[in-house]
C-alpha atoms as a PDB file:
ATOM      1  CA  MET A   1     101.695 157.205  84.772  1.00  0.00           C
ATOM      2  CA  SER A   2     103.509 155.830  82.046  1.00  0.00           C
ATOM      3  CA  GLN A   3     104.093 157.887  79.215  1.00  0.00           C
ATOM      4  CA  PHE A   4     104.316 154.841  76.658  1.00  0.00           C
ATOM      5  CA  LEU A   5     102.004 151.907  75.189  1.00  0.00           C
ATOM      6  CA  LEU A   6     102.179 148.461  76.149  1.00  0.00           C
ATOM      7  CA  ASP A   7     100.763 145.692  74.003  1.00  0.00           C
ATOM      8  CA  ASP A   8      97.862 143.343  74.960  1.00  0.00           C
ATOM      9  CA  LYS A   9      99.875 140.685  75.673  1.00  0.00           C
ATOM     10  CA  THR A  10     102.166 142.520  78.185  1.00  0.00           C
ATOM     11  CA  ILE A  11      99.700 143.693  79.957  1.00  0.00           C
ATOM     12  CA  GLU A  12      98.258 140.728  80.638  1.00  0.00           C
ATOM     13  CA  ARG A  13     101.498 139.206  81.678  1.00  0.00           C
ATOM     14  CA  ILE A  14     101.871 142.614  84.014  1.00  0.00           C
ATOM     15  CA  SER A  15      98.119 141.799  85.352  1.00  0.00           C
ATOM     16  CA  LYS A  16      99.681 138.261  86.825  1.00  0.00           C
ATOM     17  CA  GLU A  17     102.241 139.847  89.116  1.00  0.00           C
ATOM     18  CA  LEU A  18      99.653 142.181  90.759  1.00  0.00           C
ATOM     19  CA  PRO A  19      97.689 141.133  93.651  1.00  0.00           C
ATOM     20  CA  ASP A  20      93.780 141.047  92.731  1.00  0.00           C
ATOM     21  CA  LEU A  21      91.739 143.060  95.240  1.00  0.00           C
ATOM     22  CA  GLU A  22      88.692 143.629  93.328  1.00  0.00           C
ATOM     23  CA  ASN A  23      86.311 141.327  95.191  1.00  0.00           C
ATOM     24  CA  LEU A  24      87.988 141.969  98.497  1.00  0.00           C
ATOM     25  CA  GLY A  25      87.913 145.883  97.913  1.00  0.00           C
ATOM     26  CA  MET A  26      84.241 146.108  96.900  1.00  0.00           C
ATOM     27  CA  ALA A  27      83.284 144.017 100.470  1.00  0.00           C
ATOM     28  CA  VAL A  28      85.154 146.443 102.578  1.00  0.00           C
ATOM     29  CA  MET A  29      83.995 149.661 100.480  1.00  0.00           C
ATOM     30  CA  SER A  30      80.179 148.320 101.811  1.00  0.00           C
ATOM     31  CA  LEU A  31      80.789 148.743 105.042  1.00  0.00           C
ATOM     32  CA  SER A  32      79.204 151.378 106.560  1.00  0.00           C
ATOM     33  CA  PRO A  33      80.185 152.459 109.872  1.00  0.00           C
ATOM     34  CA  ASP A  34      76.985 154.153 110.502  1.00  0.00           C
ATOM     35  CA  PHE A  35      74.885 150.811 109.964  1.00  0.00           C
ATOM     36  CA  ILE A  36      76.886 148.650 111.668  1.00  0.00           C
ATOM     37  CA  SER A  37      77.293 151.147 114.556  1.00  0.00           C
ATOM     38  CA  ILE A  38      73.332 150.128 115.018  1.00  0.00           C
ATOM     39  CA  LYS A  39      73.978 147.089 116.498  1.00  0.00           C
ATOM     40  CA  PHE A  40      76.878 147.932 118.854  1.00  0.00           C
ATOM     41  CA  SER A  41      76.899 150.052 121.835  1.00  0.00           C
ATOM     42  CA  ALA A  42      78.271 153.302 121.659  1.00  0.00           C
ATOM     43  CA  GLU A  43      81.146 152.246 123.586  1.00  0.00           C
ATOM     44  CA  SER A  44      82.286 149.891 121.011  1.00  0.00           C
ATOM     45  CA  ASN A  45      85.230 150.287 118.691  1.00  0.00           C
ATOM     46  CA  ILE A  46      84.098 147.532 116.305  1.00  0.00           C
ATOM     47  CA  PRO A  47      82.146 149.934 113.898  1.00  0.00           C
ATOM     48  CA  VAL A  48      85.479 152.159 113.655  1.00  0.00           C
ATOM     49  CA  ALA A  49      87.493 148.869 112.398  1.00  0.00           C
ATOM     50  CA  ALA A  50      85.575 149.416 109.411  1.00  0.00           C
ATOM     51  CA  VAL A  51      86.857 152.750 108.278  1.00  0.00           C
ATOM     52  CA  CYS A  52      90.463 151.507 109.268  1.00  0.00           C
ATOM     53  CA  LEU A  53      90.246 148.621 107.098  1.00  0.00           C
ATOM     54  CA  GLN A  54      89.366 151.128 104.354  1.00  0.00           C
ATOM     55  CA  ASP A  55      91.884 152.923 104.929  1.00  0.00           C
ATOM     56  CA  THR A  56      94.137 149.759 104.651  1.00  0.00           C
ATOM     57  CA  LEU A  57      92.454 149.323 101.113  1.00  0.00           C
ATOM     58  CA  ASN A  58      93.321 152.450  99.884  1.00  0.00           C
ATOM     59  CA  ALA A  59      97.087 152.312 100.838  1.00  0.00           C
ATOM     60  CA  LEU A  60      97.029 149.073  99.586  1.00  0.00           C
ATOM     61  CA  LEU A  61      95.220 150.239  95.936  1.00  0.00           C
ATOM     62  CA  HIS A  62      98.416 152.690  96.144  1.00  0.00           C
ATOM     63  CA  VAL A  63     100.624 149.624  96.442  1.00  0.00           C
ATOM     64  CA  ARG A  64      99.232 148.043  93.493  1.00  0.00           C
ATOM     65  CA  ILE A  65      99.334 150.827  91.336  1.00  0.00           C
ATOM     66  CA  GLY A  66     103.265 151.329  92.320  1.00  0.00           C
ATOM     67  CA  LEU A  67     103.864 147.795  91.623  1.00  0.00           C
ATOM     68  CA  ASN A  68     102.204 147.837  88.446  1.00  0.00           C
ATOM     69  CA  GLU A  69     104.036 151.055  87.181  1.00  0.00           C
ATOM     70  CA  CYS A  70     107.545 149.539  88.395  1.00  0.00           C
ATOM     71  CA  ILE A  71     106.777 146.471  86.213  1.00  0.00           C
ATOM     72  CA  GLN A  72     105.797 148.499  83.356  1.00  0.00           C
ATOM     73  CA  HIS A  73     108.946 150.671  83.120  1.00  0.00           C
ATOM     74  CA  GLN A  74     111.146 147.537  84.032  1.00  0.00           C
ATOM     75  CA  ILE A  75     109.429 145.719  80.531  1.00  0.00           C
ATOM     76  CA  TRP A  76     110.157 148.874  78.933  1.00  0.00           C
ATOM     77  CA  PHE A  77     113.261 150.085  79.359  1.00  0.00           C
ATOM     78  CA  ARG A  78     114.492 146.421  79.065  1.00  0.00           C
ATOM     79  CA  GLU A  79     112.477 144.696  76.771  1.00  0.00           C
ATOM     80  CA  LYS A  80     110.641 147.106  74.420  1.00  0.00           C
ATOM     81  CA  CYS A  81     113.000 150.303  74.151  1.00  0.00           C
ATOM     82  CA  THR A  82     115.616 150.375  71.698  1.00  0.00           C
ATOM     83  CA  PRO A  83     118.226 150.485  72.588  1.00  0.00           C
ATOM     84  CA  PRO A  84     117.660 149.073  75.918  1.00  0.00           C
ATOM     85  CA  ASN A  85     118.252 151.549  79.069  1.00  0.00           C
ATOM     86  CA  GLU A  86     119.209 149.961  81.984  1.00  0.00           C
ATOM     87  CA  GLU A  87     119.616 152.851  84.050  1.00  0.00           C
ATOM     88  CA  LEU A  88     116.239 154.487  83.677  1.00  0.00           C
ATOM     89  CA  ALA A  89     114.643 150.901  84.304  1.00  0.00           C
ATOM     90  CA  VAL A  90     116.500 151.203  87.697  1.00  0.00           C
ATOM     91  CA  ILE A  91     115.754 154.872  88.255  1.00  0.00           C
ATOM     92  CA  PHE A  92     111.777 154.490  87.991  1.00  0.00           C
ATOM     93  CA  MET A  93     111.695 151.305  89.528  1.00  0.00           C
ATOM     94  CA  ARG A  94     113.197 152.191  92.486  1.00  0.00           C
ATOM     95  CA  PHE A  95     111.140 155.421  92.511  1.00  0.00           C
ATOM     96  CA  TYR A  96     107.974 153.397  92.517  1.00  0.00           C
ATOM     97  CA  ILE A  97     109.419 150.676  95.031  1.00  0.00           C
ATOM     98  CA  ASP A  98     110.344 153.570  97.459  1.00  0.00           C
ATOM     99  CA  GLY A  99     106.489 154.258  97.028  1.00  0.00           C
ATOM    100  CA  ILE A 100     105.454 151.099  97.439  1.00  0.00           C
ATOM    101  CA  VAL A 101     107.006 150.360 100.936  1.00  0.00           C
ATOM    102  CA  SER A 102     106.313 153.387 102.460  1.00  0.00           C
ATOM    103  CA  GLN A 103     102.451 152.773 101.239  1.00  0.00           C
ATOM    104  CA  LEU A 104     102.994 149.314 102.779  1.00  0.00           C
ATOM    105  CA  TYR A 105     103.990 150.126 106.096  1.00  0.00           C
ATOM    106  CA  ALA A 106     100.850 152.647 106.190  1.00  0.00           C
ATOM    107  CA  ALA A 107      98.753 149.725 105.171  1.00  0.00           C
ATOM    108  CA  ALA A 108     100.311 147.592 107.820  1.00  0.00           C
ATOM    109  CA  GLU A 109      99.759 150.319 110.751  1.00  0.00           C
ATOM    110  CA  HIS A 110      96.050 150.811 109.433  1.00  0.00           C
ATOM    111  CA  LEU A 111      95.407 147.261 109.571  1.00  0.00           C
ATOM    112  CA  ALA A 112      96.988 147.092 113.367  1.00  0.00           C
ATOM    113  CA  ASN A 113      94.721 149.535 114.248  1.00  0.00           C
ATOM    114  CA  ALA A 114      91.771 147.583 112.667  1.00  0.00           C
ATOM    115  CA  ILE A 115      92.627 144.479 114.819  1.00  0.00           C
ATOM    116  CA  ILE A 116      92.675 146.676 117.820  1.00  0.00           C
ATOM    117  CA  CYS A 117      89.243 147.870 116.963  1.00  0.00           C
ATOM    118  CA  ILE A 118      87.858 144.400 116.194  1.00  0.00           C
ATOM    119  CA  LEU A 119      89.309 142.877 119.182  1.00  0.00           C
ATOM    120  CA  GLU A 120      88.293 145.590 121.488  1.00  0.00           C
ATOM    121  CA  LEU A 121      91.611 146.259 123.090  1.00  0.00           C
ATOM    122  CA  THR A 122      92.001 149.100 125.238  1.00  0.00           C
ATOM    123  CA  ASP A 123      95.115 151.378 125.383  1.00  0.00           C
ATOM    124  CA  ASP A 124      95.693 149.829 128.906  1.00  0.00           C
ATOM    125  CA  GLN A 125      96.000 146.316 127.701  1.00  0.00           C
ATOM    126  CA  LEU A 126      98.735 147.701 124.952  1.00  0.00           C
ATOM    127  CA  GLU A 127     100.636 149.840 127.108  1.00  0.00           C
ATOM    128  CA  LYS A 128     103.317 147.461 128.519  1.00  0.00           C
ATOM    129  CA  TYR A 129     104.347 146.753 124.901  1.00  0.00           C
ATOM    130  CA  ARG A 130     104.842 150.295 124.088  1.00  0.00           C
ATOM    131  CA  ASN A 131     108.452 150.472 125.613  1.00  0.00           C
ATOM    132  CA  GLN A 132     110.820 151.642 122.884  1.00  0.00           C
ATOM    133  CA  ARG A 133     108.294 150.703 120.259  1.00  0.00           C
ATOM    134  CA  VAL A 134     106.367 153.468 118.013  1.00  0.00           C
ATOM    135  CA  SER A 135     105.235 151.254 115.437  1.00  0.00           C
ATOM    136  CA  GLN A 136     101.321 150.370 116.121  1.00  0.00           C
ATOM    137  CA  GLN A 137     101.970 146.810 114.167  1.00  0.00           C
ATOM    138  CA  SER A 138     104.968 145.914 116.377  1.00  0.00           C
ATOM    139  CA  ILE A 139     102.809 146.951 119.517  1.00  0.00           C
ATOM    140  CA  LEU A 140     100.098 144.820 118.536  1.00  0.00           C
ATOM    141  CA  GLY A 141     102.358 142.007 117.537  1.00  0.00           C
ATOM    142  CA  HIS A 142     103.940 141.730 120.521  1.00  0.00           C
ATOM    143  CA  TYR A 143     100.792 141.778 122.581  1.00  0.00           C
ATOM    144  CA  LEU A 144      98.970 138.878 120.429  1.00  0.00           C
ATOM    145  CA  ALA A 145     102.138 136.870 120.498  1.00  0.00           C
ATOM    146  CA  LYS A 146     101.988 137.249 124.567  1.00  0.00           C
ATOM    147  CA  GLU A 147      98.638 137.315 125.398  1.00  0.00           C
ATOM    148  CA  GLN A 148      96.405 135.733 122.674  1.00  0.00           C
ATOM    149  CA  SER A 149      98.739 133.236 121.025  1.00  0.00           C
ATOM    150  CA  GLU A 150      95.970 131.149 119.980  1.00  0.00           C
ATOM    151  CA  ASN A 151      93.644 133.493 118.468  1.00  0.00           C
ATOM    152  CA  PRO A 152      93.522 133.147 114.707  1.00  0.00           C
ATOM    153  CA  ILE A 153      94.091 136.694 114.231  1.00  0.00           C
ATOM    154  CA  THR A 154      97.607 136.164 115.848  1.00  0.00           C
ATOM    155  CA  LYS A 155      98.388 133.352 113.683  1.00  0.00           C
ATOM    156  CA  ALA A 156      98.108 135.119 110.786  1.00  0.00           C
ATOM    157  CA  VAL A 157      99.820 138.065 112.174  1.00  0.00           C
ATOM    158  CA  LEU A 158     103.019 136.134 113.124  1.00  0.00           C
ATOM    159  CA  ALA A 159     102.812 134.270 109.967  1.00  0.00           C
ATOM    160  CA  LEU A 160     103.696 137.601 108.118  1.00  0.00           C
ATOM    161  CA  ALA A 161     105.943 139.220 110.972  1.00  0.00           C
ATOM    162  CA  THR A 162     107.984 136.109 110.845  1.00  0.00           C
ATOM    163  CA  SER A 163     108.349 136.481 106.781  1.00  0.00           C
ATOM    164  CA  GLU A 164     111.585 136.997 105.639  1.00  0.00           C
ATOM    165  CA  GLN A 165     110.344 139.057 102.560  1.00  0.00           C
ATOM    166  CA  TRP A 166     108.130 141.247 104.875  1.00  0.00           C
ATOM    167  CA  LYS A 167     111.132 141.958 107.415  1.00  0.00           C
ATOM    168  CA  LYS A 168     113.578 142.495 104.545  1.00  0.00           C
ATOM    169  CA  SER A 169     110.999 145.013 103.012  1.00  0.00           C
ATOM    170  CA  MET A 170     110.435 146.650 106.718  1.00  0.00           C
ATOM    171  CA  PHE A 171     114.070 146.898 106.905  1.00  0.00           C
ATOM    172  CA  TYR A 172     114.394 148.704 103.701  1.00  0.00           C
ATOM    173  CA  ARG A 173     111.631 150.837 104.486  1.00  0.00           C
ATOM    174  CA  GLY A 174     113.088 151.943 107.925  1.00  0.00           C
ATOM    175  CA  ASN A 175     116.640 152.590 106.708  1.00  0.00           C
ATOM    176  CA  TRP A 176     115.097 154.822 103.664  1.00  0.00           C
ATOM    177  CA  VAL A 177     113.185 156.676 106.367  1.00  0.00           C
ATOM    178  CA  HIS A 178     115.435 156.958 109.228  1.00  0.00           C
ATOM    179  CA  GLU A 179     118.979 156.256 107.733  1.00  0.00           C
ATOM    180  CA  GLN A 180     120.946 156.603 105.101  1.00  0.00           C
ATOM    181  CA  PRO A 181     118.654 155.657 101.709  1.00  0.00           C
ATOM    182  CA  PRO A 182     119.481 152.155 100.854  1.00  0.00           C
ATOM    183  CA  THR A 183     122.320 152.308  98.149  1.00  0.00           C
ATOM    184  CA  VAL A 184     121.544 150.698  94.709  1.00  0.00           C
ATOM    185  CA  SER A 185     123.475 149.439  91.556  1.00  0.00           C
ATOM    186  CA  GLY A 186     123.183 150.430  88.223  1.00  0.00           C
ATOM    187  CA  LEU A 187     123.421 154.286  89.149  1.00  0.00           C
ATOM    188  CA  GLY A 188     126.863 155.131  89.176  1.00  0.00           C
ATOM    189  CA  PRO A 189     128.988 155.199  92.047  1.00  0.00           C
ATOM    190  CA  VAL A 190     127.257 155.206  95.199  1.00  0.00           C
ATOM    191  CA  TYR A 191     129.032 156.089  98.601  1.00  0.00           C
ATOM    192  CA  GLU A 192     128.067 154.870 102.412  1.00  0.00           C
ATOM    193  CA  ARG A 193     128.121 157.456 104.965  1.00  0.00           C
ATOM    194  CA  ARG A 194     131.668 157.020 106.863  1.00  0.00           C
ATOM    195  CA  ARG A 195     134.921 158.512 106.918  1.00  0.00           C
ATOM    196  CA  ARG A 196     137.217 157.677 104.118  1.00  0.00           C
ATOM    197  CA  TRP A 197     140.419 157.506 105.284  1.00  0.00           C
ATOM    198  CA  ILE A 198     141.478 153.992 106.216  1.00  0.00           C
ATOM    199  CA  GLN A 199     143.656 153.270 109.281  1.00  0.00           C
ATOM    200  CA  SER A 200     145.689 150.293 109.119  1.00  0.00           C
ATOM    201  CA  ASP A 201     145.814 147.643 111.771  1.00  0.00           C
ATOM    202  CA  ASP A 202     148.724 149.149 113.755  1.00  0.00           C
ATOM    203  CA  GLY A 203     147.284 152.779 113.446  1.00  0.00           C
ATOM    204  CA  ARG A 204     150.323 153.989 112.425  1.00  0.00           C
ATOM    205  CA  THR A 205     149.218 155.062 108.639  1.00  0.00           C
ATOM    206  CA  SER A 206     145.835 155.517 106.587  1.00  0.00           C
ATOM    207  CA  THR A 207     145.211 155.221 103.156  1.00  0.00           C
ATOM    208  CA  LEU A 208     142.392 157.040 101.013  1.00  0.00           C
ATOM    209  CA  GLY A 209     140.684 155.519  97.767  1.00  0.00           C
ATOM    210  CA  LEU A 210     139.792 157.878  95.387  1.00  0.00           C
ATOM    211  CA  GLY A 211     136.657 158.019  92.691  1.00  0.00           C
ATOM    212  CA  GLY A 212     135.922 154.091  93.519  1.00  0.00           C
ATOM    213  CA  GLY A 213     133.058 154.594  95.542  1.00  0.00           C
ATOM    214  CA  ASP A 214     131.594 151.738  97.738  1.00  0.00           C
ATOM    215  CA  GLU A 215     129.802 148.519  96.880  1.00  0.00           C
ATOM    216  CA  ALA A 216     125.900 148.706  96.390  1.00  0.00           C
ATOM    217  CA  GLU A 217     123.598 147.055  99.231  1.00  0.00           C
ATOM    218  CA  TYR A 218     121.038 145.978  96.428  1.00  0.00           C
ATOM    219  CA  SER A 219     120.382 145.631  92.927  1.00  0.00           C
ATOM    220  CA  ILE A 220     116.743 146.697  91.953  1.00  0.00           C
ATOM    221  CA  ASP A 221     115.904 143.313  91.073  1.00  0.00           C
ATOM    222  CA  GLU A 222     116.987 141.983  94.379  1.00  0.00           C
ATOM    223  CA  ILE A 223     114.638 144.480  96.182  1.00  0.00           C
ATOM    224  CA  LEU A 224     111.772 143.690  94.283  1.00  0.00           C
ATOM    225  CA  GLY A 225     112.512 140.255  94.775  1.00  0.00           C
ATOM    226  CA  PHE A 226     111.312 140.688  98.326  1.00  0.00           C
ATOM    227  CA  VAL A 227     108.932 143.392  97.990  1.00  0.00           C
ATOM    228  CA  GLN A 228     106.516 141.866  95.595  1.00  0.00           C
ATOM    229  CA  PRO A 229     106.208 138.548  97.595  1.00  0.00           C
ATOM    230  CA  ALA A 230     105.625 140.767 100.997  1.00  0.00           C
ATOM    231  CA  ILE A 231     102.726 142.624  99.109  1.00  0.00           C
ATOM    232  CA  PHE A 232     101.136 138.895  98.204  1.00  0.00           C
ATOM    233  CA  GLN A 233     101.635 138.132 101.947  1.00  0.00           C
ATOM    234  CA  PHE A 234     100.122 141.135 103.307  1.00  0.00           C
ATOM    235  CA  VAL A 235      96.726 140.864 101.203  1.00  0.00           C
ATOM    236  CA  ASP A 236      96.801 137.391 102.390  1.00  0.00           C
ATOM    237  CA  LEU A 237      96.440 138.748 105.972  1.00  0.00           C
ATOM    238  CA  TYR A 238      94.430 141.690 105.155  1.00  0.00           C
ATOM    239  CA  ASP A 239      91.918 139.129 103.318  1.00  0.00           C
ATOM    240  CA  LYS A 240      91.804 136.981 106.452  1.00  0.00           C
ATOM    241  CA  VAL A 241      91.208 139.855 109.024  1.00  0.00           C
ATOM    242  CA  VAL A 242      88.491 141.096 106.627  1.00  0.00           C
ATOM    243  CA  HIS A 243      86.766 137.603 106.953  1.00  0.00           C
ATOM    244  CA  ILE A 244      86.820 137.786 110.500  1.00  0.00           C
ATOM    245  CA  TYR A 245      85.366 140.800 110.751  1.00  0.00           C
ATOM    246  CA  PHE A 246      82.293 140.078 108.454  1.00  0.00           C
ATOM    247  CA  ASP A 247      82.051 136.733 110.753  1.00  0.00           C
ATOM    248  CA  THR A 248      82.117 139.340 114.067  1.00  0.00           C
ATOM    249  CA  ILE A 249      79.497 141.737 112.628  1.00  0.00           C
ATOM    250  CA  GLY A 250      77.761 138.878 111.164  1.00  0.00           C
ATOM    251  CA  LYS A 251      76.755 137.564 114.609  1.00  0.00           C
ATOM    252  CA  LYS A 252      75.153 140.594 115.310  1.00  0.00           C
ATOM    253  CA  GLY A 253      72.917 140.080 112.006  1.00  0.00           C
ATOM    254  CA  ILE A 254      74.933 142.247 109.809  1.00  0.00           C
ATOM    255  CA  VAL A 255      75.650 140.644 106.335  1.00  0.00           C
ATOM    256  CA  LEU A 256      76.774 140.845 103.168  1.00  0.00           C
ATOM    257  CA  THR A 257      74.445 140.581 100.104  1.00  0.00           C
ATOM    258  CA  GLU A 258      74.112 141.067  96.193  1.00  0.00           C
ATOM    259  CA  LYS A 259      72.186 144.654  97.560  1.00  0.00           C
ATOM    260  CA  GLY A 260      75.148 145.445  99.731  1.00  0.00           C
ATOM    261  CA  LEU A 261      75.374 145.689 103.523  1.00  0.00           C
ATOM    262  CA  GLN A 262      72.077 144.370 105.191  1.00  0.00           C
ATOM    263  CA  VAL A 263      71.321 145.011 108.738  1.00  0.00           C
ATOM    264  CA  LYS A 264      68.846 142.995 110.892  1.00  0.00           C
ATOM    265  CA  ILE A 265      67.202 145.652 113.030  1.00  0.00           C
ATOM    266  CA  PHE A 266      65.421 143.092 115.128  1.00  0.00           C
END
């Protein structure tokens, strides 16, 4: 948590940079898989989707906390600190961004499982789309694009999947986990994972530079510039899927009221 105090005006400014999850979150947390199961068969996975949607929400709440902290540290070390400290701004912003993309990826996996349950897809239906894919969201996305292209869920999923900000965020997360962590400017010299001797075109000589480092892949503002929109785009998809889920269970007489989830037994 932040160890500094920001004025009310700055806090209000930051709040406008964060996704609003209050109403959506309250609706999702009202979902009870036990009560929903009353209206579905023992073999149905539709009640399981409620749990997946809650898991997605929990990951998104972590994303929101991380984004809040990231922006607070950005403002503090650049605008409020005397003198400004850019290096600490970059260190803290990157710390929180790395956590954000991890939680965002997890949220997408949970949401993919929710969609699979809502549509009651089987392993057999998804099997041929698992070839060389590990991510559930990737498997589901390829299935939907091929098999259910007109489904409203498909259109919402593909809108996110084709977003440049989302693709850049997942690429950043993939490299952070599986390759060399992406290098960021503002933290001193950075080095690529490569041999340092550079061979001439004719192959006869090699040269070696000392102490200069390599060019960083990103600035911290560039990373935040695609991660933050990707968060809002994912929340938009989540909102659409949640509404589709309420429509689905609503057809069975399960509705959300001011008193909570109501189930019509007869």
